[in-house]
PDB file of N, CA and C in Angstrom:
ATOM      1  N   MET A   1      13.400  -2.189  23.123  1.00  0.00           N
ATOM      2  CA  MET A   1      13.706  -0.916  22.394  1.00  0.00           C
ATOM      3  C   MET A   1      13.073  -1.027  20.905  1.00  0.00           C
ATOM      4  N   ASN A   2      12.202  -0.277  20.760  1.00  0.00           N
ATOM      5  CA  ASN A   2      11.524  -0.194  19.462  1.00  0.00           C
ATOM      6  C   ASN A   2      12.221   0.314  18.379  1.00  0.00           C
ATOM      7  N   GLU A   3      12.262  -0.612  17.070  1.00  0.00           N
ATOM      8  CA  GLU A   3      13.155  -0.155  15.855  1.00  0.00           C
ATOM      9  C   GLU A   3      12.388   1.062  15.344  1.00  0.00           C
ATOM     10  N   ALA A   4      13.143   1.906  14.657  1.00  0.00           N
ATOM     11  CA  ALA A   4      12.426   3.012  14.027  1.00  0.00           C
ATOM     12  C   ALA A   4      12.313   2.808  12.596  1.00  0.00           C
ATOM     13  N   ARG A   5      10.917   3.367  12.115  1.00  0.00           N
ATOM     14  CA  ARG A   5      10.358   3.187  10.941  1.00  0.00           C
ATOM     15  C   ARG A   5      11.394   4.297   9.830  1.00  0.00           C
ATOM     16  N   ARG A   6      11.678   3.494   8.765  1.00  0.00           N
ATOM     17  CA  ARG A   6      12.515   4.217   8.004  1.00  0.00           C
ATOM     18  C   ARG A   6      12.051   4.330   6.451  1.00  0.00           C
ATOM     19  N   GLY A   7      12.528   5.058   5.458  1.00  0.00           N
ATOM     20  CA  GLY A   7      12.013   5.239   4.116  1.00  0.00           C
ATOM     21  C   GLY A   7      13.194   4.611   3.104  1.00  0.00           C
ATOM     22  N   LEU A   8      12.849   3.770   2.147  1.00  0.00           N
ATOM     23  CA  LEU A   8      13.781   3.375   1.533  1.00  0.00           C
ATOM     24  C   LEU A   8      13.251   3.659  -0.317  1.00  0.00           C
ATOM     25  N   ARG A   9      14.136   4.018  -1.092  1.00  0.00           N
ATOM     26  CA  ARG A   9      13.656   4.383  -2.567  1.00  0.00           C
ATOM     27  C   ARG A   9      14.530   3.328  -3.217  1.00  0.00           C
ATOM     28  N   CYS A  10      13.980   2.563  -4.083  1.00  0.00           N
ATOM     29  CA  CYS A  10      14.878   1.702  -4.968  1.00  0.00           C
ATOM     30  C   CYS A  10      14.370   1.685  -6.419  1.00  0.00           C
ATOM     31  N   TYR A  11      15.234   1.704  -7.490  1.00  0.00           N
ATOM     32  CA  TYR A  11      15.195   1.733  -8.784  1.00  0.00           C
ATOM     33  C   TYR A  11      15.612   0.450  -9.381  1.00  0.00           C
ATOM     34  N   ILE A  12      14.772  -0.303  -9.857  1.00  0.00           N
ATOM     35  CA  ILE A  12      14.895  -1.703 -10.593  1.00  0.00           C
ATOM     36  C   ILE A  12      14.955  -1.561 -11.931  1.00  0.00           C
ATOM     37  N   SER A  13      15.870  -2.247 -12.649  1.00  0.00           N
ATOM     38  CA  SER A  13      16.190  -2.225 -14.068  1.00  0.00           C
ATOM     39  C   SER A  13      16.087  -3.466 -14.396  1.00  0.00           C
ATOM     40  N   GLY A  14      16.051  -3.932 -15.925  1.00  0.00           N
ATOM     41  CA  GLY A  14      15.706  -4.818 -16.522  1.00  0.00           C
ATOM     42  C   GLY A  14      14.422  -5.377 -17.236  1.00  0.00           C
ATOM     43  N   ARG A  15      14.134  -6.374 -17.175  1.00  0.00           N
ATOM     44  CA  ARG A  15      12.900  -6.903 -17.843  1.00  0.00           C
ATOM     45  C   ARG A  15      11.764  -6.681 -16.484  1.00  0.00           C
ATOM     46  N   VAL A  16      11.366  -5.424 -16.277  1.00  0.00           N
ATOM     47  CA  VAL A  16      10.600  -5.349 -15.037  1.00  0.00           C
ATOM     48  C   VAL A  16       9.186  -4.674 -15.329  1.00  0.00           C
ATOM     49  N   GLN A  17       8.926  -4.154 -16.530  1.00  0.00           N
ATOM     50  CA  GLN A  17       7.589  -3.703 -16.979  1.00  0.00           C
ATOM     51  C   GLN A  17       6.909  -4.663 -17.945  1.00  0.00           C
ATOM     52  N   GLY A  18       5.763  -5.000 -17.417  1.00  0.00           N
ATOM     53  CA  GLY A  18       4.858  -5.983 -18.528  1.00  0.00           C
ATOM     54  C   GLY A  18       4.996  -7.338 -17.873  1.00  0.00           C
ATOM     55  N   VAL A  19       5.479  -7.447 -16.684  1.00  0.00           N
ATOM     56  CA  VAL A  19       5.532  -8.620 -15.968  1.00  0.00           C
ATOM     57  C   VAL A  19       5.096  -8.723 -14.648  1.00  0.00           C
ATOM     58  N   PHE A  20       4.139  -7.707 -14.450  1.00  0.00           N
ATOM     59  CA  PHE A  20       3.137  -7.753 -12.992  1.00  0.00           C
ATOM     60  C   PHE A  20       4.142  -7.556 -11.897  1.00  0.00           C
ATOM     61  N   PHE A  21       5.349  -6.755 -12.160  1.00  0.00           N
ATOM     62  CA  PHE A  21       6.223  -6.417 -11.172  1.00  0.00           C
ATOM     63  C   PHE A  21       5.738  -5.637 -10.111  1.00  0.00           C
ATOM     64  N   ARG A  22       4.871  -4.540 -10.586  1.00  0.00           N
ATOM     65  CA  ARG A  22       4.396  -3.373  -9.527  1.00  0.00           C
ATOM     66  C   ARG A  22       3.479  -4.038  -8.691  1.00  0.00           C
ATOM     67  N   ALA A  23       2.326  -4.957  -9.311  1.00  0.00           N
ATOM     68  CA  ALA A  23       1.509  -5.975  -8.455  1.00  0.00           C
ATOM     69  C   ALA A  23       2.034  -6.726  -7.497  1.00  0.00           C
ATOM     70  N   SER A  24       2.959  -7.321  -7.961  1.00  0.00           N
ATOM     71  CA  SER A  24       3.908  -8.509  -7.211  1.00  0.00           C
ATOM     72  C   SER A  24       4.430  -7.745  -6.181  1.00  0.00           C
ATOM     73  N   THR A  25       5.030  -6.552  -6.534  1.00  0.00           N
ATOM     74  CA  THR A  25       5.934  -5.890  -5.304  1.00  0.00           C
ATOM     75  C   THR A  25       4.767  -5.273  -4.142  1.00  0.00           C
ATOM     76  N   GLN A  26       3.541  -4.806  -4.662  1.00  0.00           N
ATOM     77  CA  GLN A  26       2.678  -4.339  -3.634  1.00  0.00           C
ATOM     78  C   GLN A  26       2.206  -5.720  -2.948  1.00  0.00           C
ATOM     79  N   GLU A  27       2.135  -6.809  -3.395  1.00  0.00           N
ATOM     80  CA  GLU A  27       1.580  -8.004  -2.733  1.00  0.00           C
ATOM     81  C   GLU A  27       2.665  -8.299  -1.534  1.00  0.00           C
ATOM     82  N   LYS A  28       4.008  -8.351  -1.864  1.00  0.00           N
ATOM     83  CA  LYS A  28       4.964  -8.422  -1.007  1.00  0.00           C
ATOM     84  C   LYS A  28       5.047  -7.590  -0.016  1.00  0.00           C
ATOM     85  N   ALA A  29       4.930  -6.184  -0.303  1.00  0.00           N
ATOM     86  CA  ALA A  29       5.032  -5.160   0.620  1.00  0.00           C
ATOM     87  C   ALA A  29       3.942  -5.369   1.601  1.00  0.00           C
ATOM     88  N   HIS A  30       2.643  -5.867   1.375  1.00  0.00           N
ATOM     89  CA  HIS A  30       1.476  -6.023   2.076  1.00  0.00           C
ATOM     90  C   HIS A  30       1.929  -7.074   3.253  1.00  0.00           C
ATOM     91  N   GLN A  31       2.534  -8.236   2.648  1.00  0.00           N
ATOM     92  CA  GLN A  31       2.870  -9.218   3.333  1.00  0.00           C
ATOM     93  C   GLN A  31       4.100  -8.842   4.489  1.00  0.00           C
ATOM     94  N   LEU A  32       4.738  -7.917   4.031  1.00  0.00           N
ATOM     95  CA  LEU A  32       5.819  -7.558   4.991  1.00  0.00           C
ATOM     96  C   LEU A  32       5.460  -6.370   6.000  1.00  0.00           C
ATOM     97  N   GLY A  33       4.288  -5.907   5.605  1.00  0.00           N
ATOM     98  CA  GLY A  33       3.621  -4.744   6.722  1.00  0.00           C
ATOM     99  C   GLY A  33       4.454  -3.565   6.190  1.00  0.00           C
ATOM    100  N   LEU A  34       4.673  -3.255   4.886  1.00  0.00           N
ATOM    101  CA  LEU A  34       5.376  -2.053   4.621  1.00  0.00           C
ATOM    102  C   LEU A  34       4.243  -0.993   4.041  1.00  0.00           C
ATOM    103  N   THR A  35       4.462   0.065   3.642  1.00  0.00           N
ATOM    104  CA  THR A  35       3.696   1.020   3.232  1.00  0.00           C
ATOM    105  C   THR A  35       4.524   1.756   1.907  1.00  0.00           C
ATOM    106  N   GLY A  36       3.705   2.540   0.876  1.00  0.00           N
ATOM    107  CA  GLY A  36       4.638   3.231   0.062  1.00  0.00           C
ATOM    108  C   GLY A  36       4.007   2.918  -1.234  1.00  0.00           C
ATOM    109  N   TYR A  37       4.645   2.893  -2.378  1.00  0.00           N
ATOM    110  CA  TYR A  37       4.339   2.834  -3.907  1.00  0.00           C
ATOM    111  C   TYR A  37       5.248   2.054  -4.552  1.00  0.00           C
ATOM    112  N   ALA A  38       4.804   1.742  -5.798  1.00  0.00           N
ATOM    113  CA  ALA A  38       5.774   1.259  -6.916  1.00  0.00           C
ATOM    114  C   ALA A  38       4.954   1.783  -8.292  1.00  0.00           C
ATOM    115  N   ARG A  39       5.907   2.310  -9.157  1.00  0.00           N
ATOM    116  CA  ARG A  39       5.704   2.769 -10.164  1.00  0.00           C
ATOM    117  C   ARG A  39       6.498   2.662 -11.473  1.00  0.00           C
ATOM    118  N   ASN A  40       5.985   2.535 -12.588  1.00  0.00           N
ATOM    119  CA  ASN A  40       6.722   2.375 -13.830  1.00  0.00           C
ATOM    120  C   ASN A  40       7.394   3.767 -14.018  1.00  0.00           C
ATOM    121  N   LEU A  41       8.395   3.624 -14.631  1.00  0.00           N
ATOM    122  CA  LEU A  41       9.171   5.135 -14.943  1.00  0.00           C
ATOM    123  C   LEU A  41       9.252   5.005 -16.343  1.00  0.00           C
ATOM    124  N   PRO A  42       9.292   6.283 -16.946  1.00  0.00           N
ATOM    125  CA  PRO A  42       9.218   6.271 -18.820  1.00  0.00           C
ATOM    126  C   PRO A  42      10.386   5.534 -19.163  1.00  0.00           C
ATOM    127  N   ASP A  43      11.665   5.524 -18.415  1.00  0.00           N
ATOM    128  CA  ASP A  43      12.793   4.979 -19.065  1.00  0.00           C
ATOM    129  C   ASP A  43      12.983   3.211 -18.791  1.00  0.00           C
ATOM    130  N   GLY A  44      11.917   2.841 -18.327  1.00  0.00           N
ATOM    131  CA  GLY A  44      11.760   1.260 -18.588  1.00  0.00           C
ATOM    132  C   GLY A  44      12.188   0.716 -17.105  1.00  0.00           C
ATOM    133  N   ARG A  45      12.347   1.520 -16.120  1.00  0.00           N
ATOM    134  CA  ARG A  45      12.518   0.838 -14.808  1.00  0.00           C
ATOM    135  C   ARG A  45      11.556   1.103 -13.845  1.00  0.00           C
ATOM    136  N   VAL A  46      11.454   0.449 -12.860  1.00  0.00           N
ATOM    137  CA  VAL A  46      10.399   0.455 -11.892  1.00  0.00           C
ATOM    138  C   VAL A  46      10.890   1.107 -10.554  1.00  0.00           C
ATOM    139  N   GLU A  47      10.039   2.186 -10.231  1.00  0.00           N
ATOM    140  CA  GLU A  47      10.576   2.881  -8.745  1.00  0.00           C
ATOM    141  C   GLU A  47       9.580   2.308  -7.683  1.00  0.00           C
ATOM    142  N   VAL A  48      10.553   1.992  -6.609  1.00  0.00           N
ATOM    143  CA  VAL A  48       9.755   1.458  -5.402  1.00  0.00           C
ATOM    144  C   VAL A  48      10.159   2.424  -4.275  1.00  0.00           C
ATOM    145  N   TYR A  49       9.092   2.828  -3.502  1.00  0.00           N
ATOM    146  CA  TYR A  49       9.180   3.775  -2.250  1.00  0.00           C
ATOM    147  C   TYR A  49       8.501   2.965  -1.324  1.00  0.00           C
ATOM    148  N   ALA A  50       9.379   2.861  -0.119  1.00  0.00           N
ATOM    149  CA  ALA A  50       8.824   1.684   0.962  1.00  0.00           C
ATOM    150  C   ALA A  50       9.400   2.271   2.238  1.00  0.00           C
ATOM    151  N   CYS A  51       8.175   2.217   3.286  1.00  0.00           N
ATOM    152  CA  CYS A  51       8.423   2.760   4.477  1.00  0.00           C
ATOM    153  C   CYS A  51       8.095   1.755   5.349  1.00  0.00           C
ATOM    154  N   GLY A  52       8.893   1.439   6.451  1.00  0.00           N
ATOM    155  CA  GLY A  52       8.673   0.417   7.539  1.00  0.00           C
ATOM    156  C   GLY A  52       9.834   0.503   8.280  1.00  0.00           C
ATOM    157  N   LEU A  53       9.748  -0.811   9.035  1.00  0.00           N
ATOM    158  CA  LEU A  53      11.287  -1.138   9.806  1.00  0.00           C
ATOM    159  C   LEU A  53      12.442  -1.643   8.808  1.00  0.00           C
ATOM    160  N   GLN A  54      13.428  -1.401   9.449  1.00  0.00           N
ATOM    161  CA  GLN A  54      14.636  -1.947   8.555  1.00  0.00           C
ATOM    162  C   GLN A  54      14.747  -3.204   8.207  1.00  0.00           C
ATOM    163  N   SER A  55      14.299  -3.994   9.250  1.00  0.00           N
ATOM    164  CA  SER A  55      14.024  -5.693   8.584  1.00  0.00           C
ATOM    165  C   SER A  55      13.150  -5.955   7.747  1.00  0.00           C
ATOM    166  N   GLN A  56      12.209  -4.905   7.768  1.00  0.00           N
ATOM    167  CA  GLN A  56      11.049  -5.393   6.573  1.00  0.00           C
ATOM    168  C   GLN A  56      11.756  -4.651   5.364  1.00  0.00           C
ATOM    169  N   LEU A  57      12.383  -3.434   5.305  1.00  0.00           N
ATOM    170  CA  LEU A  57      12.972  -3.218   3.850  1.00  0.00           C
ATOM    171  C   LEU A  57      13.925  -4.016   3.659  1.00  0.00           C
ATOM    172  N   ASP A  58      14.870  -4.694   4.575  1.00  0.00           N
ATOM    173  CA  ASP A  58      15.843  -5.472   4.007  1.00  0.00           C
ATOM    174  C   ASP A  58      15.245  -6.682   3.056  1.00  0.00           C
ATOM    175  N   ALA A  59      13.990  -7.031   3.834  1.00  0.00           N
ATOM    176  CA  ALA A  59      13.385  -8.224   3.046  1.00  0.00           C
ATOM    177  C   ALA A  59      12.892  -7.845   1.794  1.00  0.00           C
ATOM    178  N   LEU A  60      12.268  -6.838   1.521  1.00  0.00           N
ATOM    179  CA  LEU A  60      11.831  -6.280   0.288  1.00  0.00           C
ATOM    180  C   LEU A  60      12.822  -5.854  -0.635  1.00  0.00           C
ATOM    181  N   GLU A  61      14.148  -5.444  -0.218  1.00  0.00           N
ATOM    182  CA  GLU A  61      15.150  -5.201  -1.039  1.00  0.00           C
ATOM    183  C   GLU A  61      15.823  -6.442  -1.513  1.00  0.00           C
ATOM    184  N   ALA A  62      15.870  -7.395  -0.929  1.00  0.00           N
ATOM    185  CA  ALA A  62      16.278  -8.776  -1.323  1.00  0.00           C
ATOM    186  C   ALA A  62      15.193  -9.425  -2.119  1.00  0.00           C
ATOM    187  N   TRP A  63      14.081  -9.353  -2.024  1.00  0.00           N
ATOM    188  CA  TRP A  63      12.980  -9.701  -3.011  1.00  0.00           C
ATOM    189  C   TRP A  63      12.980  -9.146  -4.417  1.00  0.00           C
ATOM    190  N   LEU A  64      13.422  -7.813  -4.288  1.00  0.00           N
ATOM    191  CA  LEU A  64      13.270  -7.042  -5.502  1.00  0.00           C
ATOM    192  C   LEU A  64      14.425  -7.458  -6.659  1.00  0.00           C
ATOM    193  N   TRP A  65      15.505  -8.255  -5.954  1.00  0.00           N
ATOM    194  CA  TRP A  65      16.354  -8.712  -6.817  1.00  0.00           C
ATOM    195  C   TRP A  65      15.862  -9.980  -7.547  1.00  0.00           C
ATOM    196  N   GLN A  66      14.698 -10.547  -7.062  1.00  0.00           N
ATOM    197  CA  GLN A  66      14.317 -11.740  -7.780  1.00  0.00           C
ATOM    198  C   GLN A  66      13.005 -11.490  -8.549  1.00  0.00           C
ATOM    199  N   GLY A  67      12.093 -10.649  -7.910  1.00  0.00           N
ATOM    200  CA  GLY A  67      10.751 -10.125  -8.561  1.00  0.00           C
ATOM    201  C   GLY A  67       9.782 -11.522  -8.815  1.00  0.00           C
ATOM    202  N   PRO A  68       8.678 -11.139  -9.756  1.00  0.00           N
ATOM    203  CA  PRO A  68       8.028 -12.218  -9.949  1.00  0.00           C
ATOM    204  C   PRO A  68       8.364 -12.858 -10.957  1.00  0.00           C
ATOM    205  N   PRO A  69       7.542 -14.067 -11.271  1.00  0.00           N
ATOM    206  CA  PRO A  69       7.981 -14.922 -12.370  1.00  0.00           C
ATOM    207  C   PRO A  69       7.920 -13.998 -13.694  1.00  0.00           C
ATOM    208  N   GLY A  70       8.881 -14.368 -14.579  1.00  0.00           N
ATOM    209  CA  GLY A  70       9.005 -13.592 -15.792  1.00  0.00           C
ATOM    210  C   GLY A  70       9.774 -12.283 -15.782  1.00  0.00           C
ATOM    211  N   ALA A  71      10.036 -11.786 -14.656  1.00  0.00           N
ATOM    212  CA  ALA A  71      10.913 -10.737 -14.586  1.00  0.00           C
ATOM    213  C   ALA A  71      12.388 -11.388 -14.705  1.00  0.00           C
ATOM    214  N   GLY A  72      13.182 -10.171 -15.235  1.00  0.00           N
ATOM    215  CA  GLY A  72      14.418 -10.386 -15.492  1.00  0.00           C
ATOM    216  C   GLY A  72      15.237  -9.239 -14.976  1.00  0.00           C
ATOM    217  N   VAL A  73      15.592  -9.287 -13.647  1.00  0.00           N
ATOM    218  CA  VAL A  73      16.255  -7.832 -12.731  1.00  0.00           C
ATOM    219  C   VAL A  73      17.499  -7.962 -13.026  1.00  0.00           C
ATOM    220  N   SER A  74      18.187  -6.884 -13.657  1.00  0.00           N
ATOM    221  CA  SER A  74      19.626  -6.807 -13.939  1.00  0.00           C
ATOM    222  C   SER A  74      20.132  -5.925 -12.606  1.00  0.00           C
ATOM    223  N   THR A  75      19.540  -4.925 -11.993  1.00  0.00           N
ATOM    224  CA  THR A  75      20.043  -3.887 -11.092  1.00  0.00           C
ATOM    225  C   THR A  75      18.858  -3.528 -10.289  1.00  0.00           C
ATOM    226  N   VAL A  76      19.458  -3.357  -8.970  1.00  0.00           N
ATOM    227  CA  VAL A  76      18.464  -2.820  -7.908  1.00  0.00           C
ATOM    228  C   VAL A  76      19.498  -1.877  -7.119  1.00  0.00           C
ATOM    229  N   GLU A  77      18.888  -0.564  -7.273  1.00  0.00           N
ATOM    230  CA  GLU A  77      19.614   0.491  -6.593  1.00  0.00           C
ATOM    231  C   GLU A  77      18.827   1.190  -5.584  1.00  0.00           C
ATOM    232  N   CYS A  78      19.288   1.015  -4.431  1.00  0.00           N
ATOM    233  CA  CYS A  78      18.434   1.548  -3.186  1.00  0.00           C
ATOM    234  C   CYS A  78      19.228   2.600  -2.470  1.00  0.00           C
ATOM    235  N   GLU A  79      18.548   3.538  -1.830  1.00  0.00           N
ATOM    236  CA  GLU A  79      19.020   4.638  -1.075  1.00  0.00           C
ATOM    237  C   GLU A  79      18.050   5.032   0.044  1.00  0.00           C
ATOM    238  N   PRO A  80      18.408   5.249   1.194  1.00  0.00           N
ATOM    239  CA  PRO A  80      17.520   5.713   2.340  1.00  0.00           C
ATOM    240  C   PRO A  80      16.949   7.051   1.913  1.00  0.00           C
ATOM    241  N   VAL A  81      15.746   7.180   2.276  1.00  0.00           N
ATOM    242  CA  VAL A  81      14.909   8.456   2.019  1.00  0.00           C
ATOM    243  C   VAL A  81      14.309   8.870   3.260  1.00  0.00           C
ATOM    244  N   ALA A  82      13.596  10.060   3.315  1.00  0.00           N
ATOM    245  CA  ALA A  82      12.757  10.391   4.099  1.00  0.00           C
ATOM    246  C   ALA A  82      11.670   9.562   4.596  1.00  0.00           C
ATOM    247  N   MET A  83      11.215   9.296   5.732  1.00  0.00           N
ATOM    248  CA  MET A  83      10.056   8.504   5.994  1.00  0.00           C
ATOM    249  C   MET A  83       8.890   9.187   5.851  1.00  0.00           C
ATOM    250  N   HIS A  84       7.818   8.767   5.225  1.00  0.00           N
ATOM    251  CA  HIS A  84       6.445   9.300   4.726  1.00  0.00           C
ATOM    252  C   HIS A  84       5.434   8.633   5.395  1.00  0.00           C
ATOM    253  N   SER A  85       4.272   9.100   5.455  1.00  0.00           N
ATOM    254  CA  SER A  85       3.316   8.287   6.319  1.00  0.00           C
ATOM    255  C   SER A  85       2.140   8.007   5.137  1.00  0.00           C
ATOM    256  N   PHE A  86       2.434   7.046   4.486  1.00  0.00           N
ATOM    257  CA  PHE A  86       1.402   6.488   3.584  1.00  0.00           C
ATOM    258  C   PHE A  86       0.479   5.631   4.384  1.00  0.00           C
ATOM    259  N   ASP A  87      -0.810   5.413   3.746  1.00  0.00           N
ATOM    260  CA  ASP A  87      -1.750   4.699   4.586  1.00  0.00           C
ATOM    261  C   ASP A  87      -1.738   3.258   4.133  1.00  0.00           C
ATOM    262  N   THR A  88      -1.177   2.855   3.070  1.00  0.00           N
ATOM    263  CA  THR A  88      -0.895   1.562   2.291  1.00  0.00           C
ATOM    264  C   THR A  88       0.087   1.524   1.484  1.00  0.00           C
ATOM    265  N   PHE A  89       0.460   0.315   0.757  1.00  0.00           N
ATOM    266  CA  PHE A  89       1.120   0.330  -0.363  1.00  0.00           C
ATOM    267  C   PHE A  89       0.522   0.069  -1.610  1.00  0.00           C
ATOM    268  N   GLU A  90       0.637   0.851  -2.521  1.00  0.00           N
ATOM    269  CA  GLU A  90       0.020   1.244  -3.939  1.00  0.00           C
ATOM    270  C   GLU A  90       0.655   0.937  -4.858  1.00  0.00           C
ATOM    271  N   THR A  91      -0.117   0.760  -6.152  1.00  0.00           N
ATOM    272  CA  THR A  91       0.823   0.911  -7.412  1.00  0.00           C
ATOM    273  C   THR A  91       0.152   2.226  -8.068  1.00  0.00           C
ATOM    274  N   ARG A  92       1.104   2.734  -8.811  1.00  0.00           N
ATOM    275  CA  ARG A  92       0.893   4.147  -9.499  1.00  0.00           C
ATOM    276  C   ARG A  92       1.094   3.948 -10.916  1.00  0.00           C
TER     277      ARG A  92
END
C-alpha cells in the first residue's frame, strides 16, 4: 500500500536567523526527498512548508529541533496543511 503525500507547515523560534537555518533545512529536505520552502519571517522565526510522505515529514520535524550548528531552537510548532505540488525545496 502506498503512503499518501502530505503537507506540513512549521514555525521555528529561537536563534534561527543568520545561522544558515534556511539553507541547512533545504539541504536536509533534499536528503529526505521533500519539496516546499523555508523562509525568514519578520518576527524572527523561520517558516518551513514541506510536502512528502509522513515518515519524511516526521524526520524533518525532528531535525528542526536541532537545526544547523549555531542555531538555538526554542520552539517548533507544526501543523498539517494542504499538499502542494512544489518542484523542489527552496529558500525564500
